[in-house]
Structure formats: C-alpha cells, structure tokens
Amino acid sequence: MAELSSLFVAGPGGIMTDEVGVVTGDLELRTLLEDGTLRSLVRYEGADEWYGITGGTVALTDPRDHEAVHALLLGVLNRPSG
C-alpha cells in the first residue's frame, strides 16, 4: 500500500466527508493506493480520526499516477484565502 499526506487549509464551505459531514479549517489530506484503488481521506491537523472524502475513491490504471492525483486534490482543496 502506498500513502501520501499533506497539510492544507480548507476553503469556505469546507470538505464533505462520508462519516461526519463537512470539515473545515486546518486539515491533513491522505491518499492511500491499494490494489489499484485510491482512497482520499482528511482529518483535522493533529487529530487521530480520518474521514473519507465524499466521492474521493477512484480506480487508477497506473500506480505512478498516485502522486499526480494527490497533488491535484491538494491544489483543489487547499484554499487558505477562500
């Protein structure tokens, strides 16, 4: 299993998760790639519990795309100025 993680700040409206609804503020993005499936999770910075991003699971045909998809997600989600 491959894993990447990055800190970011959610923009207005936050990030919708499957478990707890919207999360906002200082967050951490984690992407996990296992058996061709990439899962995207977030947690509050420094917290223990991870939450699945709603719609954040996708099949990758090439595991080398993991870093690019992680970077794209981070670019979309990181909105410190709104």
N, C-alpha and C. Protein backbone atom coordinates (compact mmCIF):
# COMPACT_ATOMS: atom_id res chain seq x y z
N MET A 1 0.85 -1.17 0.00
CA MET A 1 0.00 0.00 0.00
C MET A 1 0.90 1.24 0.00
N ALA A 2 0.58 2.19 -0.87
CA ALA A 2 1.30 3.47 -0.93
C ALA A 2 0.44 4.54 -0.26
N GLU A 3 1.11 5.47 0.42
CA GLU A 3 0.40 6.51 1.17
C GLU A 3 1.12 7.84 0.99
N LEU A 4 0.35 8.91 0.76
CA LEU A 4 0.87 10.26 0.72
C LEU A 4 0.04 11.13 1.65
N SER A 5 0.66 12.16 2.22
CA SER A 5 -0.03 13.02 3.18
C SER A 5 0.47 14.45 3.04
N SER A 6 -0.46 15.42 3.16
CA SER A 6 -0.11 16.84 3.07
C SER A 6 -1.06 17.67 3.93
N LEU A 7 -0.52 18.71 4.55
CA LEU A 7 -1.33 19.65 5.31
C LEU A 7 -1.91 20.69 4.37
N PHE A 8 -3.12 21.18 4.70
CA PHE A 8 -3.75 22.23 3.91
C PHE A 8 -4.82 22.92 4.74
N VAL A 9 -5.35 24.02 4.19
CA VAL A 9 -6.44 24.76 4.83
C VAL A 9 -7.64 24.73 3.90
N ALA A 10 -8.76 24.23 4.40
CA ALA A 10 -9.98 24.14 3.60
C ALA A 10 -10.55 25.53 3.35
N GLY A 11 -11.12 25.71 2.18
CA GLY A 11 -11.75 26.98 1.84
C GLY A 11 -13.14 27.08 2.42
N PRO A 12 -13.83 28.19 2.11
CA PRO A 12 -15.21 28.36 2.58
C PRO A 12 -16.08 27.18 2.13
N GLY A 13 -16.87 26.69 3.02
CA GLY A 13 -17.72 25.54 2.71
C GLY A 13 -17.11 24.23 3.13
N GLY A 14 -15.78 24.20 3.34
CA GLY A 14 -15.11 23.02 3.86
C GLY A 14 -15.07 21.85 2.90
N ILE A 15 -14.85 20.66 3.45
CA ILE A 15 -14.73 19.41 2.70
C ILE A 15 -15.81 18.45 3.21
N MET A 16 -16.61 17.92 2.28
CA MET A 16 -17.66 16.96 2.66
C MET A 16 -17.05 15.58 2.88
N THR A 17 -17.37 14.98 4.03
CA THR A 17 -16.90 13.63 4.34
C THR A 17 -18.08 12.68 4.49
N ASP A 18 -17.80 11.41 4.32
CA ASP A 18 -18.85 10.39 4.46
C ASP A 18 -19.30 10.20 5.90
N GLU A 19 -18.37 10.35 6.84
CA GLU A 19 -18.65 10.00 8.23
C GLU A 19 -19.26 11.13 9.06
N VAL A 20 -18.79 12.35 8.89
CA VAL A 20 -19.20 13.44 9.78
C VAL A 20 -19.71 14.67 9.06
N GLY A 21 -19.91 14.60 7.76
CA GLY A 21 -20.35 15.78 7.02
C GLY A 21 -19.17 16.69 6.71
N VAL A 22 -19.39 17.99 6.80
CA VAL A 22 -18.39 18.98 6.41
C VAL A 22 -17.35 19.19 7.50
N VAL A 23 -16.07 19.22 7.09
CA VAL A 23 -14.99 19.60 7.99
C VAL A 23 -14.32 20.84 7.42
N THR A 24 -13.85 21.71 8.30
CA THR A 24 -13.28 22.98 7.88
C THR A 24 -11.98 23.24 8.63
N GLY A 25 -11.26 24.26 8.19
CA GLY A 25 -10.08 24.72 8.92
C GLY A 25 -8.80 24.03 8.49
N ASP A 26 -7.88 23.89 9.45
CA ASP A 26 -6.57 23.28 9.20
C ASP A 26 -6.72 21.77 9.17
N LEU A 27 -6.46 21.18 8.01
CA LEU A 27 -6.70 19.77 7.78
C LEU A 27 -5.47 19.09 7.22
N GLU A 28 -5.54 17.77 7.14
CA GLU A 28 -4.50 16.97 6.51
C GLU A 28 -5.15 16.05 5.49
N LEU A 29 -4.61 16.02 4.29
CA LEU A 29 -5.08 15.14 3.23
C LEU A 29 -4.19 13.90 3.21
N ARG A 30 -4.81 12.75 3.12
CA ARG A 30 -4.07 11.49 2.99
C ARG A 30 -4.67 10.71 1.84
N THR A 31 -3.84 10.26 0.92
CA THR A 31 -4.31 9.39 -0.15
C THR A 31 -3.63 8.04 0.00
N LEU A 32 -4.43 6.99 -0.13
CA LEU A 32 -3.95 5.62 0.00
C LEU A 32 -4.21 4.89 -1.30
N LEU A 33 -3.19 4.23 -1.82
CA LEU A 33 -3.36 3.44 -3.04
C LEU A 33 -3.11 1.99 -2.71
N GLU A 34 -4.14 1.18 -2.93
CA GLU A 34 -4.05 -0.26 -2.66
C GLU A 34 -4.81 -1.01 -3.73
N ASP A 35 -4.13 -1.95 -4.37
CA ASP A 35 -4.74 -2.79 -5.40
C ASP A 35 -5.43 -1.96 -6.48
N GLY A 36 -4.82 -0.85 -6.88
CA GLY A 36 -5.35 -0.02 -7.96
C GLY A 36 -6.44 0.95 -7.55
N THR A 37 -6.83 0.96 -6.29
CA THR A 37 -7.87 1.87 -5.81
C THR A 37 -7.26 2.95 -4.93
N LEU A 38 -7.51 4.20 -5.28
CA LEU A 38 -7.03 5.33 -4.49
C LEU A 38 -8.17 5.85 -3.62
N ARG A 39 -7.92 5.93 -2.32
CA ARG A 39 -8.89 6.49 -1.37
C ARG A 39 -8.34 7.80 -0.84
N SER A 40 -9.21 8.80 -0.73
CA SER A 40 -8.82 10.12 -0.22
C SER A 40 -9.49 10.34 1.13
N LEU A 41 -8.67 10.73 2.11
CA LEU A 41 -9.15 10.93 3.48
C LEU A 41 -8.67 12.28 3.99
N VAL A 42 -9.38 12.82 4.97
CA VAL A 42 -8.95 14.04 5.65
C VAL A 42 -9.11 13.86 7.15
N ARG A 43 -8.34 14.65 7.88
CA ARG A 43 -8.51 14.73 9.32
C ARG A 43 -8.12 16.13 9.74
N TYR A 44 -8.60 16.51 10.93
CA TYR A 44 -8.15 17.77 11.49
C TYR A 44 -6.67 17.63 11.82
N GLU A 45 -5.91 18.66 11.53
CA GLU A 45 -4.47 18.61 11.76
C GLU A 45 -4.16 18.16 13.19
N GLY A 46 -3.39 17.08 13.32
CA GLY A 46 -3.00 16.55 14.62
C GLY A 46 -4.00 15.61 15.26
N ALA A 47 -5.17 15.42 14.66
CA ALA A 47 -6.18 14.52 15.23
C ALA A 47 -5.86 13.08 14.89
N ASP A 48 -6.57 12.15 15.53
CA ASP A 48 -6.36 10.72 15.29
C ASP A 48 -7.29 10.16 14.22
N GLU A 49 -8.52 10.66 14.13
CA GLU A 49 -9.52 10.06 13.25
C GLU A 49 -9.47 10.63 11.85
N TRP A 50 -9.51 9.72 10.87
CA TRP A 50 -9.56 10.07 9.45
C TRP A 50 -10.98 9.90 8.95
N TYR A 51 -11.36 10.74 7.98
CA TYR A 51 -12.70 10.70 7.38
C TYR A 51 -12.56 10.60 5.86
N GLY A 52 -13.36 9.73 5.25
CA GLY A 52 -13.34 9.59 3.80
C GLY A 52 -13.96 10.80 3.13
N ILE A 53 -13.29 11.34 2.14
CA ILE A 53 -13.85 12.45 1.36
C ILE A 53 -14.95 11.88 0.48
N THR A 54 -16.11 12.49 0.53
CA THR A 54 -17.24 12.05 -0.27
C THR A 54 -16.86 12.10 -1.76
N GLY A 55 -16.99 10.97 -2.44
CA GLY A 55 -16.61 10.87 -3.85
C GLY A 55 -15.11 10.77 -4.06
N GLY A 56 -14.37 10.51 -3.00
CA GLY A 56 -12.91 10.53 -3.06
C GLY A 56 -12.24 9.20 -3.29
N THR A 57 -12.94 8.25 -3.89
CA THR A 57 -12.34 6.95 -4.21
C THR A 57 -12.37 6.78 -5.72
N VAL A 58 -11.23 6.36 -6.27
CA VAL A 58 -11.13 6.22 -7.73
C VAL A 58 -10.18 5.09 -8.06
N ALA A 59 -10.43 4.42 -9.18
CA ALA A 59 -9.52 3.38 -9.66
C ALA A 59 -8.44 4.04 -10.51
N LEU A 60 -7.19 3.69 -10.25
CA LEU A 60 -6.07 4.16 -11.07
C LEU A 60 -5.56 3.01 -11.91
N THR A 61 -5.35 3.26 -13.19
CA THR A 61 -4.83 2.21 -14.07
C THR A 61 -3.31 2.09 -13.96
N ASP A 62 -2.67 3.15 -13.46
CA ASP A 62 -1.21 3.14 -13.31
C ASP A 62 -0.84 3.68 -11.94
N PRO A 63 -0.20 2.91 -11.09
CA PRO A 63 0.14 3.37 -9.74
C PRO A 63 1.06 4.59 -9.74
N ARG A 64 1.75 4.85 -10.84
CA ARG A 64 2.60 6.04 -10.91
C ARG A 64 1.80 7.33 -10.91
N ASP A 65 0.49 7.22 -11.14
CA ASP A 65 -0.38 8.41 -11.13
C ASP A 65 -0.74 8.87 -9.72
N HIS A 66 -0.41 8.08 -8.72
CA HIS A 66 -0.78 8.41 -7.34
C HIS A 66 -0.30 9.80 -6.95
N GLU A 67 0.96 10.10 -7.16
CA GLU A 67 1.49 11.41 -6.77
C GLU A 67 0.78 12.55 -7.49
N ALA A 68 0.51 12.38 -8.78
CA ALA A 68 -0.16 13.42 -9.55
C ALA A 68 -1.58 13.65 -9.05
N VAL A 69 -2.31 12.59 -8.76
CA VAL A 69 -3.68 12.73 -8.25
C VAL A 69 -3.67 13.38 -6.88
N HIS A 70 -2.74 12.99 -6.03
CA HIS A 70 -2.62 13.62 -4.71
C HIS A 70 -2.37 15.12 -4.86
N ALA A 71 -1.45 15.49 -5.73
CA ALA A 71 -1.13 16.90 -5.95
C ALA A 71 -2.33 17.68 -6.50
N LEU A 72 -3.08 17.06 -7.39
CA LEU A 72 -4.29 17.72 -7.93
C LEU A 72 -5.33 17.93 -6.84
N LEU A 73 -5.57 16.91 -6.03
CA LEU A 73 -6.52 17.05 -4.92
C LEU A 73 -6.09 18.16 -3.97
N LEU A 74 -4.82 18.18 -3.63
CA LEU A 74 -4.31 19.20 -2.74
C LEU A 74 -4.51 20.59 -3.34
N GLY A 75 -4.26 20.73 -4.63
CA GLY A 75 -4.46 22.01 -5.29
C GLY A 75 -5.90 22.48 -5.28
N VAL A 76 -6.83 21.54 -5.40
CA VAL A 76 -8.25 21.89 -5.38
C VAL A 76 -8.73 22.20 -3.96
N LEU A 77 -8.28 21.43 -3.00
CA LEU A 77 -8.78 21.55 -1.62
C LEU A 77 -8.13 22.66 -0.82
N ASN A 78 -6.87 23.00 -1.11
CA ASN A 78 -6.15 23.99 -0.32
C ASN A 78 -6.56 25.40 -0.75
N ARG A 79 -7.37 26.04 0.08
CA ARG A 79 -7.88 27.38 -0.20
C ARG A 79 -7.78 28.26 1.04
N PRO A 80 -6.56 28.57 1.49
CA PRO A 80 -6.41 29.34 2.73
C PRO A 80 -7.02 30.74 2.66
N SER A 81 -7.14 31.29 1.45
CA SER A 81 -7.69 32.65 1.30
C SER A 81 -9.12 32.64 0.81
N GLY A 82 -9.69 31.46 0.66
CA GLY A 82 -11.08 31.37 0.22
C GLY A 82 -11.24 31.13 -1.23
